[in-house]
Protein backbone atom coordinates (compact mmCIF):
# COMPACT_ATOMS: atom_id res chain seq x y z
CA MET A 1 1.13 25.76 9.98
CA ARG A 2 -1.76 26.48 8.24
CA ARG A 3 -0.99 24.79 5.39
CA LEU A 4 1.59 22.74 6.64
CA ALA A 5 -1.30 20.40 7.90
CA PRO A 6 -3.51 20.25 4.68
CA HIS A 7 0.23 19.30 2.25
CA ILE A 8 0.10 16.53 5.22
CA GLU A 9 -2.91 15.16 5.00
CA GLU A 10 -2.70 15.49 1.21
CA ASN A 11 0.69 13.64 0.80
CA LEU A 12 -0.79 10.90 3.02
CA TYR A 13 -3.85 10.41 1.43
CA GLN A 14 -2.32 10.22 -2.06
CA GLY A 15 0.64 7.82 -0.94
CA SER A 16 -1.66 5.38 1.51
CA LYS A 17 -4.11 4.28 -1.36
CA TRP A 18 -2.56 1.14 -1.89
CA VAL A 19 -3.28 0.37 2.15
CA ASN A 20 -7.31 -0.45 1.21
CA PHE A 21 -5.81 -3.83 -0.07
CA GLU A 22 -4.16 -4.90 2.53
CA PRO A 23 -4.22 -7.12 6.30
CA ASN A 24 -5.04 -5.10 8.91
CA ASP A 25 -1.83 -6.68 10.99
CA GLU A 26 1.82 -5.31 11.98
CA LEU A 27 3.43 -5.37 8.65
CA LEU A 28 1.04 -2.93 7.07
CA TRP A 29 1.11 -0.70 10.20
CA SER A 30 4.81 -1.25 10.31
CA GLN A 31 4.57 -0.01 6.92
CA ILE A 32 2.33 2.52 7.60
CA ARG A 33 5.51 3.82 9.95
CA LEU A 34 8.17 4.42 7.55
CA SER A 35 6.36 5.63 4.83
CA PHE A 36 4.56 8.43 7.59
CA GLY A 37 7.88 9.17 9.12
CA ALA A 38 9.83 9.42 5.74
CA LEU A 39 7.56 12.54 5.29
CA MET A 40 7.60 14.09 8.44
CA THR A 41 11.47 13.23 8.67
CA ASN A 42 11.57 14.68 5.41
CA LEU A 43 9.88 17.94 6.22
CA PHE A 44 11.66 18.13 10.03
CA ARG A 45 14.60 18.33 7.93
CA ALA A 46 12.99 21.04 5.79
CA GLU A 47 12.76 23.04 8.90
CA ALA A 48 9.20 22.37 8.22
CA PHE A 49 8.62 22.41 12.49
CA GLN A 50 10.41 22.14 15.22
CA GLY A 51 11.63 18.56 17.71
CA LYS A 52 11.44 15.50 15.83
CA PRO A 53 8.47 14.13 14.29
CA GLU A 54 6.48 11.57 16.88
CA ASP A 55 3.92 8.75 14.84
CA ALA A 56 2.09 5.50 16.05
CA CYS A 57 0.27 3.10 14.38
CA ASP A 58 0.08 0.14 16.27
CA GLU A 59 -2.23 -2.40 18.53
CA THR A 60 -2.32 0.87 20.85
CA THR A 61 -4.29 2.89 17.77
CA THR A 62 -5.86 0.46 15.85
CA SER A 63 -8.08 -1.45 18.42
CA ARG A 64 -9.36 -5.20 18.05
CA ASP A 65 -12.02 -4.02 16.62
CA ASP A 66 -11.25 -1.45 13.85
CA ILE A 67 -8.91 -4.18 12.91
CA ASP A 68 -11.95 -6.83 11.80
CA ARG A 69 -13.50 -3.95 10.07
CA GLY A 70 -10.57 -2.83 8.78
CA PRO A 71 -10.01 1.45 9.21
CA VAL A 72 -6.25 1.69 10.19
CA ASN A 73 -5.86 5.17 12.91
CA ILE A 74 -2.51 7.06 13.01
CA ILE A 75 -1.02 9.34 15.58
CA GLY A 76 1.16 11.95 14.05
CA ALA A 77 2.77 14.75 16.17
CA SER A 78 5.04 17.64 15.16
CA ARG A 79 5.58 21.05 17.41
CA ARG A 80 4.92 23.95 15.01
CA LEU A 81 8.37 26.73 14.76
CA SER A 82 7.08 29.84 16.98
CA LEU A 83 6.00 32.93 14.89
CA ALA A 84 9.90 34.56 15.49
CA ASN A 85 11.26 31.41 12.97
CA SER A 86 8.21 30.98 10.22
CA SER A 87 8.22 33.54 7.30
């Protein structure tokens, strides 16, 4: 997991540069969820972690003030592999 978190962060950063040029609304959030979800699902299928990953990017993670100012907030979660399963 020590190497996985920076890998996920870098992939999200590189794959989301287009977000800067889009309106901060439900359409953008759904596109982000699809992109983030695809990355996390692929890692889950590759057995990078246990349990189906969860993500959120919507009006519950992005306040009205953030919408007006521009930042988009994404929350992602997964369970790491147990030490017995990791190599």
